[in-house]
Amino acid sequence: MAAALFVSRRPVAVMRDHLATLPGAPAEEALTGRTPADRPDPGPMLCSCFGVGVNTILSAIETRGLMSVEAVGAALQAGTNCGSCRSGIAALLDRAQHREAAE
């Protein structure tokens, strides 16, 4: 497959990050524009240095009890290279802590 075009009357939630990994893959893997069900969905890319997505970070925060940007970096490498994603990681940590406090 050389290209894919997704057309809809309403916005389509296409995972661009997933599509970028598809060159050379079977065409049927690209038809949905989303990560296949048999693979974890990393979500939108937050740390481009190490290819770590938002869903991966949120999952690690919840399952491993990560409480700081440094802890996320130690667990996933996210935020340990250029540092441009550190504020995004901090926002995810803040959101996860607020949700936990509300429950």
N, C-alpha and C. Protein backbone atom coordinates (compact mmCIF):
# COMPACT_ATOMS: atom_id res chain seq x y z
N MET A 1 0.84 -1.16 0.00
CA MET A 1 0.00 0.00 0.00
C MET A 1 0.89 1.23 0.00
N ALA A 2 0.59 2.18 -0.88
CA ALA A 2 1.39 3.39 -0.98
C ALA A 2 0.74 4.57 -0.27
N ALA A 3 -0.59 4.57 -0.13
CA ALA A 3 -1.27 5.70 0.49
C ALA A 3 -2.62 5.25 1.02
N ALA A 4 -3.17 6.06 1.93
CA ALA A 4 -4.52 5.82 2.47
C ALA A 4 -5.23 7.15 2.60
N LEU A 5 -6.49 7.18 2.22
CA LEU A 5 -7.30 8.39 2.33
C LEU A 5 -8.57 8.01 3.07
N PHE A 6 -8.84 8.69 4.18
CA PHE A 6 -10.03 8.44 4.96
C PHE A 6 -10.98 9.62 4.76
N VAL A 7 -12.20 9.35 4.31
CA VAL A 7 -13.17 10.40 4.01
C VAL A 7 -14.45 10.11 4.80
N SER A 8 -15.00 11.15 5.42
CA SER A 8 -16.23 10.99 6.18
C SER A 8 -16.93 12.33 6.27
N ARG A 9 -18.24 12.29 6.45
CA ARG A 9 -19.00 13.53 6.64
C ARG A 9 -18.74 14.13 8.00
N ARG A 10 -18.36 13.29 8.96
CA ARG A 10 -18.02 13.73 10.30
C ARG A 10 -16.55 13.43 10.55
N PRO A 11 -15.93 14.09 11.54
CA PRO A 11 -14.52 13.81 11.84
C PRO A 11 -14.30 12.32 12.12
N VAL A 12 -13.18 11.82 11.64
CA VAL A 12 -12.82 10.42 11.83
C VAL A 12 -11.63 10.36 12.77
N ALA A 13 -11.72 9.52 13.80
CA ALA A 13 -10.62 9.37 14.75
C ALA A 13 -9.60 8.40 14.17
N VAL A 14 -8.68 8.93 13.38
CA VAL A 14 -7.64 8.11 12.76
C VAL A 14 -6.36 8.29 13.55
N MET A 15 -5.75 7.19 13.93
CA MET A 15 -4.50 7.24 14.67
C MET A 15 -3.34 7.44 13.70
N ARG A 16 -2.91 8.68 13.52
CA ARG A 16 -1.81 8.97 12.60
C ARG A 16 -0.54 8.24 13.00
N ASP A 17 -0.30 8.14 14.32
CA ASP A 17 0.91 7.46 14.79
C ASP A 17 0.90 5.99 14.38
N HIS A 18 -0.26 5.36 14.44
CA HIS A 18 -0.36 3.96 14.01
C HIS A 18 -0.14 3.86 12.51
N LEU A 19 -0.74 4.75 11.75
CA LEU A 19 -0.58 4.70 10.29
C LEU A 19 0.87 4.88 9.88
N ALA A 20 1.62 5.68 10.62
CA ALA A 20 3.02 5.91 10.28
C ALA A 20 3.86 4.65 10.40
N THR A 21 3.40 3.67 11.18
CA THR A 21 4.16 2.43 11.36
C THR A 21 3.81 1.38 10.32
N LEU A 22 2.88 1.68 9.42
CA LEU A 22 2.35 0.67 8.51
C LEU A 22 3.06 0.47 7.18
N PRO A 23 3.92 1.35 6.71
CA PRO A 23 4.51 1.07 5.39
C PRO A 23 5.09 -0.35 5.34
N GLY A 24 4.65 -1.09 4.35
CA GLY A 24 5.09 -2.47 4.19
C GLY A 24 4.18 -3.48 4.87
N ALA A 25 3.25 -3.01 5.70
CA ALA A 25 2.32 -3.92 6.38
C ALA A 25 1.15 -4.24 5.45
N PRO A 26 0.42 -5.32 5.72
CA PRO A 26 -0.75 -5.66 4.91
C PRO A 26 -1.77 -4.52 4.93
N ALA A 27 -2.43 -4.29 3.80
CA ALA A 27 -3.39 -3.19 3.66
C ALA A 27 -4.53 -3.29 4.65
N GLU A 28 -4.97 -4.51 4.99
CA GLU A 28 -6.10 -4.64 5.90
C GLU A 28 -5.80 -4.08 7.28
N GLU A 29 -4.52 -3.98 7.66
CA GLU A 29 -4.18 -3.39 8.95
C GLU A 29 -4.41 -1.89 8.95
N ALA A 30 -4.42 -1.26 7.80
CA ALA A 30 -4.57 0.19 7.71
C ALA A 30 -6.01 0.62 7.50
N LEU A 31 -6.89 -0.28 7.16
CA LEU A 31 -8.24 0.12 6.77
C LEU A 31 -9.01 0.82 7.88
N THR A 32 -8.81 0.45 9.12
CA THR A 32 -9.54 1.10 10.21
C THR A 32 -8.88 2.40 10.64
N GLY A 33 -7.60 2.56 10.38
CA GLY A 33 -6.89 3.75 10.83
C GLY A 33 -6.61 3.74 12.32
N ARG A 34 -6.81 2.59 12.95
CA ARG A 34 -6.60 2.46 14.39
C ARG A 34 -5.73 1.25 14.69
N THR A 35 -5.17 1.23 15.88
CA THR A 35 -4.37 0.10 16.30
C THR A 35 -5.23 -1.16 16.33
N PRO A 36 -4.75 -2.28 15.79
CA PRO A 36 -5.54 -3.51 15.83
C PRO A 36 -5.89 -3.93 17.25
N ALA A 37 -7.01 -4.64 17.39
CA ALA A 37 -7.52 -5.03 18.72
C ALA A 37 -6.56 -5.94 19.47
N ASP A 38 -5.70 -6.68 18.76
CA ASP A 38 -4.79 -7.59 19.44
C ASP A 38 -3.52 -6.90 19.94
N ARG A 39 -3.43 -5.59 19.77
CA ARG A 39 -2.27 -4.83 20.26
C ARG A 39 -2.76 -3.71 21.17
N PRO A 40 -1.98 -3.37 22.19
CA PRO A 40 -2.39 -2.25 23.04
C PRO A 40 -2.35 -0.94 22.26
N ASP A 41 -3.32 -0.07 22.50
CA ASP A 41 -3.38 1.23 21.83
C ASP A 41 -2.54 2.22 22.62
N PRO A 42 -1.40 2.65 22.08
CA PRO A 42 -0.54 3.57 22.82
C PRO A 42 -1.13 4.97 22.95
N GLY A 43 -2.13 5.28 22.14
CA GLY A 43 -2.71 6.62 22.15
C GLY A 43 -1.84 7.60 21.40
N PRO A 44 -2.25 8.87 21.40
CA PRO A 44 -1.46 9.90 20.71
C PRO A 44 -0.05 9.97 21.29
N MET A 45 0.93 10.16 20.43
CA MET A 45 2.32 10.21 20.84
C MET A 45 2.58 11.44 21.71
N LEU A 46 3.12 11.23 22.89
CA LEU A 46 3.49 12.34 23.76
C LEU A 46 5.00 12.51 23.78
N CYS A 47 5.72 11.41 23.93
CA CYS A 47 7.19 11.46 23.92
C CYS A 47 7.67 10.93 22.58
N SER A 48 8.02 11.85 21.70
CA SER A 48 8.45 11.42 20.37
C SER A 48 9.87 10.85 20.38
N CYS A 49 10.67 11.21 21.36
CA CYS A 49 12.04 10.67 21.42
C CYS A 49 12.03 9.16 21.58
N PHE A 50 11.11 8.65 22.41
CA PHE A 50 11.07 7.22 22.69
C PHE A 50 9.78 6.56 22.23
N GLY A 51 8.92 7.30 21.53
CA GLY A 51 7.70 6.73 20.98
C GLY A 51 6.71 6.26 22.04
N VAL A 52 6.51 7.07 23.07
CA VAL A 52 5.60 6.70 24.15
C VAL A 52 4.32 7.50 24.03
N GLY A 53 3.19 6.79 23.98
CA GLY A 53 1.89 7.42 23.82
C GLY A 53 1.21 7.75 25.14
N VAL A 54 0.19 8.59 25.05
CA VAL A 54 -0.56 9.03 26.22
C VAL A 54 -1.18 7.84 26.95
N ASN A 55 -1.81 6.92 26.22
CA ASN A 55 -2.45 5.77 26.87
C ASN A 55 -1.44 4.89 27.60
N THR A 56 -0.25 4.76 27.04
CA THR A 56 0.81 3.98 27.69
C THR A 56 1.21 4.62 29.00
N ILE A 57 1.34 5.94 28.99
CA ILE A 57 1.72 6.66 30.21
C ILE A 57 0.61 6.57 31.25
N LEU A 58 -0.64 6.80 30.84
CA LEU A 58 -1.76 6.72 31.78
C LEU A 58 -1.88 5.32 32.39
N SER A 59 -1.69 4.31 31.57
CA SER A 59 -1.76 2.94 32.07
C SER A 59 -0.67 2.69 33.10
N ALA A 60 0.54 3.17 32.82
CA ALA A 60 1.65 2.98 33.77
C ALA A 60 1.40 3.74 35.07
N ILE A 61 0.83 4.94 34.97
CA ILE A 61 0.50 5.72 36.18
C ILE A 61 -0.47 4.94 37.04
N GLU A 62 -1.50 4.37 36.40
CA GLU A 62 -2.53 3.66 37.15
C GLU A 62 -2.05 2.32 37.69
N THR A 63 -1.38 1.54 36.85
CA THR A 63 -1.01 0.18 37.27
C THR A 63 0.24 0.12 38.13
N ARG A 64 1.16 1.05 37.91
CA ARG A 64 2.42 1.02 38.67
C ARG A 64 2.45 2.04 39.80
N GLY A 65 1.42 2.85 39.89
CA GLY A 65 1.37 3.85 40.96
C GLY A 65 2.41 4.94 40.82
N LEU A 66 2.73 5.32 39.60
CA LEU A 66 3.74 6.36 39.37
C LEU A 66 3.20 7.71 39.83
N MET A 67 4.03 8.48 40.53
CA MET A 67 3.56 9.73 41.13
C MET A 67 4.33 10.96 40.67
N SER A 68 5.37 10.80 39.85
CA SER A 68 6.16 11.96 39.42
C SER A 68 6.64 11.77 37.99
N VAL A 69 7.03 12.88 37.39
CA VAL A 69 7.58 12.84 36.03
C VAL A 69 8.83 11.97 36.02
N GLU A 70 9.63 12.05 37.06
CA GLU A 70 10.85 11.26 37.14
C GLU A 70 10.52 9.77 37.21
N ALA A 71 9.47 9.40 37.94
CA ALA A 71 9.07 8.00 38.04
C ALA A 71 8.59 7.47 36.69
N VAL A 72 7.85 8.31 35.94
CA VAL A 72 7.42 7.93 34.59
C VAL A 72 8.64 7.73 33.71
N GLY A 73 9.61 8.63 33.82
CA GLY A 73 10.84 8.51 33.04
C GLY A 73 11.61 7.24 33.36
N ALA A 74 11.69 6.90 34.63
CA ALA A 74 12.39 5.68 35.02
C ALA A 74 11.69 4.44 34.50
N ALA A 75 10.35 4.47 34.47
CA ALA A 75 9.58 3.30 34.04
C ALA A 75 9.49 3.18 32.53
N LEU A 76 9.35 4.31 31.82
CA LEU A 76 9.06 4.27 30.38
C LEU A 76 10.07 5.02 29.50
N GLN A 77 11.02 5.70 30.10
CA GLN A 77 11.97 6.57 29.43
C GLN A 77 11.36 7.89 28.97
N ALA A 78 10.05 8.02 28.98
CA ALA A 78 9.40 9.25 28.52
C ALA A 78 9.88 10.43 29.36
N GLY A 79 10.27 11.50 28.68
CA GLY A 79 10.72 12.71 29.35
C GLY A 79 12.17 12.71 29.76
N THR A 80 12.93 11.68 29.37
CA THR A 80 14.32 11.59 29.82
C THR A 80 15.34 12.03 28.77
N ASN A 81 14.88 12.44 27.59
CA ASN A 81 15.83 12.86 26.56
C ASN A 81 15.78 14.37 26.38
N CYS A 82 14.97 14.87 25.48
CA CYS A 82 14.93 16.31 25.22
C CYS A 82 14.13 17.07 26.26
N GLY A 83 13.17 16.41 26.92
CA GLY A 83 12.40 17.03 27.99
C GLY A 83 11.18 17.82 27.54
N SER A 84 10.92 17.92 26.25
CA SER A 84 9.79 18.73 25.80
C SER A 84 8.44 18.15 26.19
N CYS A 85 8.38 16.88 26.52
CA CYS A 85 7.11 16.25 26.90
C CYS A 85 6.88 16.24 28.41
N ARG A 86 7.84 16.73 29.17
CA ARG A 86 7.73 16.67 30.63
C ARG A 86 6.49 17.40 31.16
N SER A 87 6.14 18.53 30.56
CA SER A 87 4.95 19.25 31.02
C SER A 87 3.68 18.47 30.70
N GLY A 88 3.66 17.77 29.57
CA GLY A 88 2.53 16.92 29.22
C GLY A 88 2.39 15.74 30.18
N ILE A 89 3.52 15.17 30.54
CA ILE A 89 3.51 14.06 31.51
C ILE A 89 3.00 14.57 32.86
N ALA A 90 3.45 15.75 33.27
CA ALA A 90 3.00 16.34 34.53
C ALA A 90 1.49 16.57 34.51
N ALA A 91 0.96 17.01 33.37
CA ALA A 91 -0.49 17.23 33.25
C ALA A 91 -1.25 15.91 33.36
N LEU A 92 -0.71 14.84 32.78
CA LEU A 92 -1.34 13.52 32.90
C LEU A 92 -1.33 13.04 34.34
N LEU A 93 -0.22 13.26 35.03
CA LEU A 93 -0.13 12.89 36.45
C LEU A 93 -1.15 13.66 37.28
N ASP A 94 -1.26 14.95 37.00
CA ASP A 94 -2.20 15.80 37.72
C ASP A 94 -3.63 15.34 37.48
N ARG A 95 -3.95 15.03 36.22
CA ARG A 95 -5.29 14.56 35.87
C ARG A 95 -5.60 13.24 36.56
N ALA A 96 -4.62 12.34 36.59
CA ALA A 96 -4.83 11.03 37.23
C ALA A 96 -5.02 11.19 38.73
N GLN A 97 -4.29 12.10 39.35
CA GLN A 97 -4.41 12.32 40.79
C GLN A 97 -5.74 12.96 41.15
N HIS A 98 -6.22 13.89 40.30
CA HIS A 98 -7.52 14.54 40.55
C HIS A 98 -8.64 13.52 40.42
N ARG A 99 -8.54 12.64 39.43
CA ARG A 99 -9.57 11.62 39.24
C ARG A 99 -9.62 10.68 40.43
N GLU A 100 -8.43 10.31 40.92
CA GLU A 100 -8.36 9.41 42.07
C GLU A 100 -8.94 10.07 43.31
N ALA A 101 -8.66 11.36 43.51
CA ALA A 101 -9.18 12.07 44.67
C ALA A 101 -10.70 12.20 44.61
N ALA A 102 -11.26 12.33 43.41
CA ALA A 102 -12.70 12.46 43.26
C ALA A 102 -13.43 11.16 43.52
N GLU A 103 -12.77 10.05 43.30
CA GLU A 103 -13.40 8.75 43.51
C GLU A 103 -13.46 8.48 44.95
